Amino acid sequence: MKTKIMSIVGVRPNFVKLAALDKFLEEDYEHIVVHTGQHYDYELSKAFFECLELREPDYNLEVGSGTHGYQLGEMVKRIEKVLMKEQPDLVIVYGDCNSTLAGALASVKLHVKTAHVEAGYRSFDKKMPEEINRLLTDVISDLLFAPTKTAEKNLKRENVRGEIYLTGDVMVDVLLKYMKAAKTISQGKP
């Protein structure tokens, strides 16, 4: 039986990050993709999935817009139901949006091992909702994938409990993979 990994995404930058890992995860693991619906415009989300050659998510929770509290609460409730049904071995959250924190919270509360892609990024401005999401996600995640040495140093300085891995930046991986196609499209060539 294959290890079951669940990726939780919700905003366009998450889709890009997922594109860096999706094919690898599909090859060796049972990979479930959950879209919280934080960025809820179906056509725009669909465009990202198509351009990045991602399959349709297994679940679309259709949370939509609202205050931070509303979004987080709805996401945690809906993610929890999917987690209890699917019982993954590992959950991967990406970046720093509300979907990231909600996925980490729901997973940790159900004692599911949690990994954070882009761990350790900091703005040092707690007025930014993304900074709060980063800090809290890093504190509760088991595996922390730091994209840069600076991010790795931030995590070590904060004494987070998770295992830290310096991985490189998945956004650069996606850029390199799709640069030729982007140039072709921007020049109006099929």
N, C-alpha and C. Protein backbone atom coordinates (compact mmCIF):
# COMPACT_ATOMS: atom_id res chain seq x y z
N MET A 1 0.84 -1.19 0.00
CA MET A 1 0.00 0.00 0.00
C MET A 1 0.88 1.24 0.00
N LYS A 2 0.58 2.17 -0.89
CA LYS A 2 1.36 3.40 -1.00
C LYS A 2 1.08 4.34 0.17
N THR A 3 2.11 5.10 0.54
CA THR A 3 1.94 6.17 1.52
C THR A 3 1.00 7.21 0.93
N LYS A 4 0.06 7.68 1.75
CA LYS A 4 -0.93 8.66 1.29
C LYS A 4 -0.51 10.05 1.74
N ILE A 5 -0.33 10.93 0.76
CA ILE A 5 0.06 12.32 1.03
C ILE A 5 -1.05 13.23 0.54
N MET A 6 -1.41 14.21 1.35
CA MET A 6 -2.43 15.18 0.98
C MET A 6 -1.81 16.56 0.89
N SER A 7 -2.00 17.21 -0.26
CA SER A 7 -1.58 18.60 -0.44
C SER A 7 -2.80 19.49 -0.26
N ILE A 8 -2.66 20.52 0.55
CA ILE A 8 -3.75 21.47 0.76
C ILE A 8 -3.32 22.80 0.18
N VAL A 9 -4.11 23.28 -0.79
CA VAL A 9 -3.85 24.54 -1.48
C VAL A 9 -5.12 25.38 -1.46
N GLY A 10 -4.96 26.68 -1.75
CA GLY A 10 -6.15 27.52 -1.74
C GLY A 10 -6.04 28.79 -2.55
N VAL A 11 -4.81 29.18 -2.88
CA VAL A 11 -4.61 30.43 -3.63
C VAL A 11 -3.66 30.16 -4.79
N ARG A 12 -3.68 31.05 -5.76
CA ARG A 12 -2.89 30.84 -6.97
C ARG A 12 -1.40 30.58 -6.71
N PRO A 13 -0.74 31.31 -5.80
CA PRO A 13 0.67 30.97 -5.55
C PRO A 13 0.85 29.54 -5.02
N ASN A 14 -0.14 29.02 -4.28
CA ASN A 14 -0.07 27.63 -3.82
C ASN A 14 -0.10 26.66 -5.00
N PHE A 15 -0.91 26.98 -6.02
CA PHE A 15 -1.01 26.11 -7.18
C PHE A 15 0.35 26.01 -7.88
N VAL A 16 1.05 27.14 -7.94
CA VAL A 16 2.37 27.16 -8.58
C VAL A 16 3.33 26.29 -7.78
N LYS A 17 3.32 26.42 -6.47
CA LYS A 17 4.20 25.61 -5.62
C LYS A 17 3.87 24.13 -5.75
N LEU A 18 2.58 23.81 -5.79
CA LEU A 18 2.16 22.42 -5.96
C LEU A 18 2.69 21.85 -7.27
N ALA A 19 2.72 22.68 -8.32
CA ALA A 19 3.20 22.22 -9.62
C ALA A 19 4.64 21.71 -9.56
N ALA A 20 5.42 22.22 -8.63
CA ALA A 20 6.81 21.78 -8.50
C ALA A 20 6.91 20.35 -7.95
N LEU A 21 5.89 19.93 -7.19
CA LEU A 21 5.96 18.63 -6.51
C LEU A 21 4.97 17.60 -7.02
N ASP A 22 3.93 18.04 -7.69
CA ASP A 22 2.81 17.16 -8.01
C ASP A 22 3.22 15.90 -8.77
N LYS A 23 3.98 16.04 -9.85
CA LYS A 23 4.36 14.88 -10.67
C LYS A 23 5.20 13.89 -9.86
N PHE A 24 6.12 14.41 -9.07
CA PHE A 24 6.93 13.55 -8.20
C PHE A 24 6.04 12.80 -7.21
N LEU A 25 5.12 13.50 -6.58
CA LEU A 25 4.24 12.87 -5.60
C LEU A 25 3.34 11.83 -6.24
N GLU A 26 2.85 12.12 -7.45
CA GLU A 26 1.98 11.19 -8.17
C GLU A 26 2.69 9.88 -8.50
N GLU A 27 4.00 9.95 -8.77
CA GLU A 27 4.75 8.75 -9.16
C GLU A 27 4.89 7.74 -8.02
N ASP A 28 5.20 8.25 -6.84
CA ASP A 28 5.58 7.34 -5.75
C ASP A 28 4.59 7.23 -4.59
N TYR A 29 3.57 8.08 -4.59
CA TYR A 29 2.66 8.12 -3.46
C TYR A 29 1.21 8.21 -3.93
N GLU A 30 0.30 7.89 -3.06
CA GLU A 30 -1.10 8.21 -3.32
C GLU A 30 -1.25 9.68 -2.94
N HIS A 31 -1.49 10.53 -3.91
CA HIS A 31 -1.48 11.97 -3.68
C HIS A 31 -2.89 12.53 -3.83
N ILE A 32 -3.37 13.15 -2.79
CA ILE A 32 -4.70 13.76 -2.76
C ILE A 32 -4.52 15.26 -2.72
N VAL A 33 -5.22 15.98 -3.59
CA VAL A 33 -5.14 17.44 -3.62
C VAL A 33 -6.47 18.01 -3.13
N VAL A 34 -6.36 18.88 -2.13
CA VAL A 34 -7.52 19.57 -1.57
C VAL A 34 -7.38 21.06 -1.86
N HIS A 35 -8.37 21.62 -2.52
CA HIS A 35 -8.43 23.06 -2.81
C HIS A 35 -9.48 23.64 -1.86
N THR A 36 -9.04 24.54 -1.00
CA THR A 36 -9.97 25.11 -0.02
C THR A 36 -10.99 26.05 -0.65
N GLY A 37 -10.65 26.60 -1.81
CA GLY A 37 -11.53 27.58 -2.43
C GLY A 37 -11.31 28.98 -1.91
N GLN A 38 -10.15 29.22 -1.26
CA GLN A 38 -9.85 30.58 -0.79
C GLN A 38 -9.83 31.54 -1.97
N HIS A 39 -9.12 31.20 -3.04
CA HIS A 39 -9.28 31.90 -4.32
C HIS A 39 -10.34 31.11 -5.06
N TYR A 40 -11.52 31.67 -5.12
CA TYR A 40 -12.69 30.90 -5.48
C TYR A 40 -13.19 31.10 -6.90
N ASP A 41 -12.55 31.97 -7.67
CA ASP A 41 -12.96 32.14 -9.06
C ASP A 41 -12.58 30.88 -9.82
N TYR A 42 -13.59 30.10 -10.17
CA TYR A 42 -13.36 28.81 -10.79
C TYR A 42 -12.55 28.92 -12.07
N GLU A 43 -12.91 29.85 -12.93
CA GLU A 43 -12.22 29.96 -14.22
C GLU A 43 -10.75 30.31 -14.04
N LEU A 44 -10.43 31.21 -13.10
CA LEU A 44 -9.04 31.59 -12.88
C LEU A 44 -8.26 30.43 -12.26
N SER A 45 -8.85 29.77 -11.27
CA SER A 45 -8.19 28.60 -10.68
C SER A 45 -7.97 27.53 -11.74
N LYS A 46 -8.99 27.29 -12.55
CA LYS A 46 -8.90 26.27 -13.60
C LYS A 46 -7.78 26.60 -14.57
N ALA A 47 -7.63 27.89 -14.90
CA ALA A 47 -6.57 28.30 -15.82
C ALA A 47 -5.19 27.95 -15.26
N PHE A 48 -5.01 28.17 -13.97
CA PHE A 48 -3.72 27.83 -13.35
C PHE A 48 -3.49 26.32 -13.39
N PHE A 49 -4.52 25.55 -13.06
CA PHE A 49 -4.37 24.10 -13.07
C PHE A 49 -4.05 23.61 -14.48
N GLU A 50 -4.70 24.19 -15.49
CA GLU A 50 -4.44 23.77 -16.87
C GLU A 50 -3.03 24.17 -17.33
N CYS A 51 -2.66 25.42 -17.11
CA CYS A 51 -1.33 25.90 -17.55
C CYS A 51 -0.19 25.16 -16.86
N LEU A 52 -0.41 24.80 -15.62
CA LEU A 52 0.64 24.12 -14.85
C LEU A 52 0.54 22.60 -14.95
N GLU A 53 -0.38 22.14 -15.79
CA GLU A 53 -0.56 20.71 -16.03
C GLU A 53 -0.88 19.93 -14.76
N LEU A 54 -1.72 20.54 -13.93
CA LEU A 54 -2.18 19.89 -12.71
C LEU A 54 -3.55 19.27 -12.97
N ARG A 55 -3.79 18.13 -12.38
CA ARG A 55 -5.12 17.54 -12.51
C ARG A 55 -6.10 18.29 -11.61
N GLU A 56 -7.37 18.07 -11.84
CA GLU A 56 -8.38 18.69 -10.99
C GLU A 56 -8.17 18.23 -9.54
N PRO A 57 -8.40 19.13 -8.57
CA PRO A 57 -8.27 18.70 -7.17
C PRO A 57 -9.27 17.58 -6.84
N ASP A 58 -8.90 16.74 -5.91
CA ASP A 58 -9.80 15.67 -5.47
C ASP A 58 -10.96 16.25 -4.67
N TYR A 59 -10.70 17.35 -3.99
CA TYR A 59 -11.72 18.03 -3.20
C TYR A 59 -11.63 19.53 -3.44
N ASN A 60 -12.77 20.18 -3.63
CA ASN A 60 -12.84 21.64 -3.63
C ASN A 60 -13.81 22.02 -2.53
N LEU A 61 -13.29 22.63 -1.49
CA LEU A 61 -14.10 22.93 -0.30
C LEU A 61 -14.95 24.18 -0.44
N GLU A 62 -14.71 24.98 -1.47
CA GLU A 62 -15.54 26.13 -1.83
C GLU A 62 -15.82 27.07 -0.65
N VAL A 63 -14.78 27.39 0.11
CA VAL A 63 -14.95 28.28 1.26
C VAL A 63 -15.26 29.72 0.83
N GLY A 64 -14.59 30.21 -0.19
CA GLY A 64 -14.86 31.57 -0.67
C GLY A 64 -14.28 32.64 0.22
N SER A 65 -14.80 33.85 0.06
CA SER A 65 -14.24 34.99 0.78
C SER A 65 -14.93 35.18 2.13
N GLY A 66 -14.37 36.09 2.89
CA GLY A 66 -14.88 36.41 4.22
C GLY A 66 -13.75 36.95 5.07
N THR A 67 -14.05 37.23 6.30
CA THR A 67 -13.01 37.70 7.21
C THR A 67 -12.00 36.58 7.44
N HIS A 68 -10.85 36.93 8.00
CA HIS A 68 -9.84 35.92 8.29
C HIS A 68 -10.40 34.84 9.21
N GLY A 69 -11.12 35.27 10.24
CA GLY A 69 -11.70 34.32 11.19
C GLY A 69 -12.70 33.39 10.55
N TYR A 70 -13.56 33.95 9.72
CA TYR A 70 -14.55 33.13 9.02
C TYR A 70 -13.85 32.10 8.13
N GLN A 71 -12.91 32.59 7.31
CA GLN A 71 -12.22 31.68 6.39
C GLN A 71 -11.50 30.57 7.15
N LEU A 72 -10.74 30.94 8.16
CA LEU A 72 -9.99 29.93 8.92
C LEU A 72 -10.92 28.90 9.54
N GLY A 73 -11.99 29.39 10.17
CA GLY A 73 -12.93 28.48 10.83
C GLY A 73 -13.57 27.51 9.85
N GLU A 74 -14.06 28.04 8.73
CA GLU A 74 -14.69 27.18 7.72
C GLU A 74 -13.69 26.20 7.12
N MET A 75 -12.50 26.67 6.87
CA MET A 75 -11.49 25.78 6.29
C MET A 75 -11.12 24.66 7.25
N VAL A 76 -10.89 24.99 8.50
CA VAL A 76 -10.51 23.96 9.47
C VAL A 76 -11.62 22.91 9.56
N LYS A 77 -12.88 23.34 9.64
CA LYS A 77 -14.00 22.39 9.73
C LYS A 77 -14.05 21.49 8.50
N ARG A 78 -13.93 22.08 7.33
CA ARG A 78 -14.07 21.30 6.10
C ARG A 78 -12.84 20.42 5.83
N ILE A 79 -11.66 20.94 6.14
CA ILE A 79 -10.44 20.13 5.99
C ILE A 79 -10.48 18.95 6.95
N GLU A 80 -10.92 19.19 8.17
CA GLU A 80 -11.00 18.11 9.16
C GLU A 80 -11.84 16.94 8.65
N LYS A 81 -12.96 17.24 8.01
CA LYS A 81 -13.82 16.17 7.47
C LYS A 81 -13.08 15.35 6.42
N VAL A 82 -12.36 16.03 5.54
CA VAL A 82 -11.60 15.32 4.50
C VAL A 82 -10.48 14.50 5.14
N LEU A 83 -9.80 15.07 6.12
CA LEU A 83 -8.72 14.33 6.79
C LEU A 83 -9.25 13.07 7.46
N MET A 84 -10.38 13.17 8.12
CA MET A 84 -10.95 12.00 8.81
C MET A 84 -11.38 10.94 7.80
N LYS A 85 -11.87 11.35 6.65
CA LYS A 85 -12.27 10.40 5.61
C LYS A 85 -11.05 9.74 4.96
N GLU A 86 -10.06 10.54 4.57
CA GLU A 86 -8.91 10.04 3.80
C GLU A 86 -7.79 9.45 4.65
N GLN A 87 -7.62 9.94 5.86
CA GLN A 87 -6.58 9.50 6.79
C GLN A 87 -5.19 9.43 6.13
N PRO A 88 -4.69 10.60 5.69
CA PRO A 88 -3.36 10.61 5.06
C PRO A 88 -2.25 10.36 6.08
N ASP A 89 -1.11 9.94 5.55
CA ASP A 89 0.08 9.76 6.38
C ASP A 89 0.81 11.08 6.58
N LEU A 90 0.66 11.98 5.62
CA LEU A 90 1.35 13.27 5.66
C LEU A 90 0.49 14.31 4.95
N VAL A 91 0.46 15.51 5.51
CA VAL A 91 -0.19 16.65 4.86
C VAL A 91 0.89 17.67 4.53
N ILE A 92 0.83 18.19 3.31
CA ILE A 92 1.76 19.25 2.89
C ILE A 92 0.95 20.53 2.71
N VAL A 93 1.41 21.60 3.35
CA VAL A 93 0.83 22.93 3.15
C VAL A 93 1.90 23.81 2.52
N TYR A 94 1.44 24.81 1.77
CA TYR A 94 2.34 25.61 0.94
C TYR A 94 2.18 27.09 1.25
N GLY A 95 3.29 27.80 1.40
CA GLY A 95 3.25 29.25 1.47
C GLY A 95 2.75 29.81 2.79
N ASP A 96 1.88 30.84 2.69
CA ASP A 96 1.55 31.61 3.89
C ASP A 96 0.13 32.18 3.91
N CYS A 97 -0.78 31.56 3.18
CA CYS A 97 -2.15 32.08 3.14
C CYS A 97 -3.00 31.45 4.25
N ASN A 98 -4.26 31.85 4.34
CA ASN A 98 -5.15 31.28 5.34
C ASN A 98 -5.31 29.77 5.15
N SER A 99 -5.31 29.30 3.90
CA SER A 99 -5.41 27.86 3.63
C SER A 99 -4.23 27.10 4.23
N THR A 100 -3.06 27.72 4.23
CA THR A 100 -1.85 27.12 4.79
C THR A 100 -2.02 26.88 6.29
N LEU A 101 -2.41 27.93 6.99
CA LEU A 101 -2.58 27.81 8.44
C LEU A 101 -3.72 26.85 8.77
N ALA A 102 -4.83 26.96 8.06
CA ALA A 102 -5.98 26.08 8.32
C ALA A 102 -5.60 24.62 8.11
N GLY A 103 -4.88 24.34 7.03
CA GLY A 103 -4.46 22.96 6.76
C GLY A 103 -3.55 22.43 7.85
N ALA A 104 -2.62 23.26 8.29
CA ALA A 104 -1.70 22.85 9.36
C ALA A 104 -2.46 22.62 10.67
N LEU A 105 -3.35 23.53 11.01
CA LEU A 105 -4.11 23.39 12.26
C LEU A 105 -4.96 22.12 12.27
N ALA A 106 -5.71 21.91 11.20
CA ALA A 106 -6.57 20.73 11.14
C ALA A 106 -5.75 19.45 11.22
N SER A 107 -4.63 19.43 10.53
CA SER A 107 -3.78 18.23 10.51
C SER A 107 -3.17 17.95 11.87
N VAL A 108 -2.59 18.97 12.47
CA VAL A 108 -1.93 18.80 13.75
C VAL A 108 -2.93 18.37 14.83
N LYS A 109 -4.12 18.94 14.80
CA LYS A 109 -5.15 18.57 15.79
C LYS A 109 -5.56 17.11 15.67
N LEU A 110 -5.45 16.56 14.45
CA LEU A 110 -5.78 15.15 14.25
C LEU A 110 -4.54 14.25 14.29
N HIS A 111 -3.41 14.82 14.69
CA HIS A 111 -2.15 14.10 14.85
C HIS A 111 -1.64 13.51 13.52
N VAL A 112 -1.84 14.27 12.45
CA VAL A 112 -1.31 13.88 11.14
C VAL A 112 -0.02 14.67 10.92
N LYS A 113 1.03 13.97 10.55
CA LYS A 113 2.31 14.62 10.30
C LYS A 113 2.12 15.70 9.24
N THR A 114 2.72 16.88 9.48
CA THR A 114 2.49 18.05 8.63
C THR A 114 3.82 18.63 8.16
N ALA A 115 3.87 18.94 6.86
CA ALA A 115 5.06 19.53 6.24
C ALA A 115 4.70 20.90 5.69
N HIS A 116 5.61 21.87 5.84
CA HIS A 116 5.39 23.23 5.35
C HIS A 116 6.44 23.57 4.29
N VAL A 117 5.97 23.76 3.06
CA VAL A 117 6.83 24.18 1.96
C VAL A 117 6.91 25.70 1.99
N GLU A 118 8.10 26.24 1.95
CA GLU A 118 8.43 27.66 2.10
C GLU A 118 8.44 28.09 3.57
N ALA A 119 8.89 27.20 4.42
CA ALA A 119 9.02 27.50 5.84
C ALA A 119 10.15 28.50 6.08
N GLY A 120 9.99 29.32 7.08
CA GLY A 120 11.05 30.23 7.51
C GLY A 120 11.09 31.59 6.85
N TYR A 121 10.27 31.81 5.83
CA TYR A 121 10.21 33.16 5.26
C TYR A 121 9.66 34.10 6.31
N ARG A 122 10.23 35.29 6.41
CA ARG A 122 9.77 36.27 7.39
C ARG A 122 9.80 37.68 6.80
N SER A 123 8.78 38.46 7.17
CA SER A 123 8.77 39.90 6.85
C SER A 123 9.06 40.69 8.12
N PHE A 124 8.88 40.06 9.27
CA PHE A 124 9.02 40.69 10.59
C PHE A 124 8.00 41.80 10.78
N ASP A 125 6.87 41.70 10.13
CA ASP A 125 5.76 42.66 10.24
C ASP A 125 4.50 41.89 10.60
N LYS A 126 4.17 41.86 11.89
CA LYS A 126 3.02 41.09 12.35
C LYS A 126 1.68 41.75 11.99
N LYS A 127 1.73 42.89 11.34
CA LYS A 127 0.49 43.49 10.83
C LYS A 127 0.03 42.78 9.55
N MET A 128 0.95 42.04 8.94
CA MET A 128 0.62 41.28 7.74
C MET A 128 0.00 39.94 8.14
N PRO A 129 -1.21 39.65 7.65
CA PRO A 129 -1.82 38.34 7.99
C PRO A 129 -0.94 37.17 7.57
N GLU A 130 -0.22 37.32 6.47
CA GLU A 130 0.65 36.25 6.00
C GLU A 130 1.78 35.95 6.98
N GLU A 131 2.28 36.98 7.65
CA GLU A 131 3.36 36.76 8.62
C GLU A 131 2.85 35.93 9.79
N ILE A 132 1.65 36.23 10.27
CA ILE A 132 1.06 35.44 11.36
C ILE A 132 0.89 33.99 10.90
N ASN A 133 0.38 33.80 9.68
CA ASN A 133 0.19 32.45 9.14
C ASN A 133 1.52 31.70 9.06
N ARG A 134 2.58 32.39 8.62
CA ARG A 134 3.91 31.76 8.52
C ARG A 134 4.41 31.31 9.89
N LEU A 135 4.37 32.24 10.82
CA LEU A 135 4.89 31.96 12.16
C LEU A 135 4.17 30.78 12.81
N LEU A 136 2.85 30.81 12.79
CA LEU A 136 2.07 29.75 13.44
C LEU A 136 2.24 28.41 12.73
N THR A 137 2.25 28.43 11.41
CA THR A 137 2.42 27.18 10.66
C THR A 137 3.78 26.56 10.96
N ASP A 138 4.81 27.38 11.02
CA ASP A 138 6.16 26.86 11.30
C ASP A 138 6.27 26.29 12.71
N VAL A 139 5.58 26.88 13.65
CA VAL A 139 5.65 26.40 15.03
C VAL A 139 5.03 25.02 15.17
N ILE A 140 3.97 24.73 14.40
CA ILE A 140 3.25 23.47 14.61
C ILE A 140 3.60 22.37 13.59
N SER A 141 4.35 22.69 12.56
CA SER A 141 4.65 21.69 11.53
C SER A 141 5.79 20.76 11.95
N ASP A 142 5.73 19.54 11.45
CA ASP A 142 6.74 18.53 11.77
C ASP A 142 7.95 18.61 10.85
N LEU A 143 7.71 18.91 9.58
CA LEU A 143 8.77 19.02 8.58
C LEU A 143 8.74 20.42 8.00
N LEU A 144 9.87 21.08 8.01
CA LEU A 144 9.97 22.48 7.57
C LEU A 144 10.93 22.55 6.40
N PHE A 145 10.39 22.83 5.22
CA PHE A 145 11.19 22.90 4.01
C PHE A 145 11.54 24.35 3.73
N ALA A 146 12.75 24.74 4.14
CA ALA A 146 13.22 26.12 4.02
C ALA A 146 13.80 26.34 2.63
N PRO A 147 13.34 27.36 1.91
CA PRO A 147 13.82 27.59 0.55
C PRO A 147 15.19 28.25 0.46
N THR A 148 15.61 28.95 1.52
CA THR A 148 16.87 29.68 1.49
C THR A 148 17.61 29.49 2.81
N LYS A 149 18.90 29.83 2.79
CA LYS A 149 19.68 29.77 4.04
C LYS A 149 19.14 30.76 5.08
N THR A 150 18.66 31.92 4.62
CA THR A 150 18.07 32.90 5.54
C THR A 150 16.83 32.33 6.21
N ALA A 151 15.98 31.66 5.44
CA ALA A 151 14.78 31.03 6.01
C ALA A 151 15.17 29.95 7.01
N GLU A 152 16.19 29.18 6.68
CA GLU A 152 16.68 28.15 7.58
C GLU A 152 17.19 28.77 8.89
N LYS A 153 17.94 29.87 8.80
CA LYS A 153 18.44 30.56 9.99
C LYS A 153 17.29 31.10 10.84
N ASN A 154 16.26 31.63 10.19
CA ASN A 154 15.10 32.13 10.93
C ASN A 154 14.48 31.01 11.77
N LEU A 155 14.30 29.85 11.17
CA LEU A 155 13.69 28.72 11.88
C LEU A 155 14.57 28.26 13.04
N LYS A 156 15.86 28.20 12.82
CA LYS A 156 16.77 27.79 13.90
C LYS A 156 16.78 28.79 15.04
N ARG A 157 16.76 30.08 14.69
CA ARG A 157 16.74 31.13 15.70
C ARG A 157 15.46 31.05 16.55
N GLU A 158 14.36 30.67 15.92
CA GLU A 158 13.07 30.59 16.61
C GLU A 158 12.89 29.29 17.38
N ASN A 159 13.84 28.38 17.26
CA ASN A 159 13.80 27.10 17.97
C ASN A 159 12.51 26.31 17.70
N VAL A 160 12.08 26.26 16.45
CA VAL A 160 10.89 25.49 16.12
C VAL A 160 11.18 24.01 16.37
N ARG A 161 10.13 23.24 16.62
CA ARG A 161 10.32 21.83 16.99
C ARG A 161 10.47 20.91 15.79
N GLY A 162 10.02 21.34 14.61
CA GLY A 162 10.05 20.48 13.43
C GLY A 162 11.46 20.28 12.89
N GLU A 163 11.59 19.25 12.05
CA GLU A 163 12.86 18.99 11.36
C GLU A 163 13.00 19.96 10.20
N ILE A 164 14.14 20.61 10.11
CA ILE A 164 14.38 21.65 9.10
C ILE A 164 15.22 21.07 7.96
N TYR A 165 14.76 21.32 6.72
CA TYR A 165 15.49 20.90 5.53
C TYR A 165 15.66 22.09 4.61
N LEU A 166 16.88 22.35 4.20
CA LEU A 166 17.15 23.40 3.21
C LEU A 166 16.92 22.78 1.84
N THR A 167 15.87 23.23 1.16
CA THR A 167 15.41 22.56 -0.07
C THR A 167 15.63 23.34 -1.35
N GLY A 168 15.82 24.65 -1.25
CA GLY A 168 15.77 25.48 -2.45
C GLY A 168 14.34 25.96 -2.66
N ASP A 169 14.19 26.87 -3.58
CA ASP A 169 12.91 27.54 -3.79
C ASP A 169 12.12 26.85 -4.89
N VAL A 170 10.95 26.30 -4.54
CA VAL A 170 10.13 25.61 -5.53
C VAL A 170 9.62 26.56 -6.61
N MET A 171 9.50 27.83 -6.30
CA MET A 171 9.05 28.80 -7.30
C MET A 171 10.09 28.92 -8.42
N VAL A 172 11.36 28.83 -8.08
CA VAL A 172 12.42 28.85 -9.09
C VAL A 172 12.33 27.59 -9.95
N ASP A 173 12.06 26.45 -9.32
CA ASP A 173 11.92 25.20 -10.07
C ASP A 173 10.80 25.32 -11.11
N VAL A 174 9.68 25.88 -10.70
CA VAL A 174 8.54 26.04 -11.62
C VAL A 174 8.89 27.04 -12.72
N LEU A 175 9.55 28.13 -12.35
CA LEU A 175 9.95 29.12 -13.35
C LEU A 175 10.82 28.47 -14.42
N LEU A 176 11.80 27.71 -14.01
CA LEU A 176 12.70 27.07 -14.97
C LEU A 176 11.95 26.06 -15.84
N LYS A 177 11.02 25.35 -15.25
CA LYS A 177 10.26 24.35 -15.99
C LYS A 177 9.37 24.98 -17.06
N TYR A 178 8.76 26.12 -16.74
CA TYR A 178 7.76 26.71 -17.63
C TYR A 178 8.23 27.96 -18.37
N MET A 179 9.50 28.34 -18.23
CA MET A 179 9.99 29.58 -18.85
C MET A 179 9.84 29.56 -20.37
N LYS A 180 10.20 28.47 -20.99
CA LYS A 180 10.12 28.39 -22.45
C LYS A 180 8.67 28.52 -22.91
N ALA A 181 7.77 27.83 -22.24
CA ALA A 181 6.35 27.90 -22.61
C ALA A 181 5.82 29.32 -22.40
N ALA A 182 6.22 29.97 -21.33
CA ALA A 182 5.76 31.34 -21.05
C ALA A 182 6.24 32.30 -22.14
N LYS A 183 7.48 32.13 -22.57
CA LYS A 183 8.02 32.99 -23.64
C LYS A 183 7.23 32.79 -24.94
N THR A 184 6.95 31.55 -25.24
CA THR A 184 6.21 31.23 -26.45
C THR A 184 4.82 31.85 -26.42
N ILE A 185 4.13 31.70 -25.29
CA ILE A 185 2.78 32.26 -25.13
C ILE A 185 2.81 33.78 -25.20
N SER A 186 3.79 34.40 -24.55
CA SER A 186 3.87 35.86 -24.51
C SER A 186 4.18 36.45 -25.88
N GLN A 187 4.80 35.65 -26.75
CA GLN A 187 5.10 36.10 -28.10
C GLN A 187 3.97 35.78 -29.09
N GLY A 188 2.87 35.25 -28.53
CA GLY A 188 1.70 34.96 -29.36
C GLY A 188 1.83 33.73 -30.22
N LYS A 189 2.75 32.85 -29.89
CA LYS A 189 2.91 31.61 -30.66
C LYS A 189 2.13 30.50 -29.97
N PRO A 190 1.59 29.57 -30.74
CA PRO A 190 0.82 28.47 -30.13
C PRO A 190 1.70 27.50 -29.36
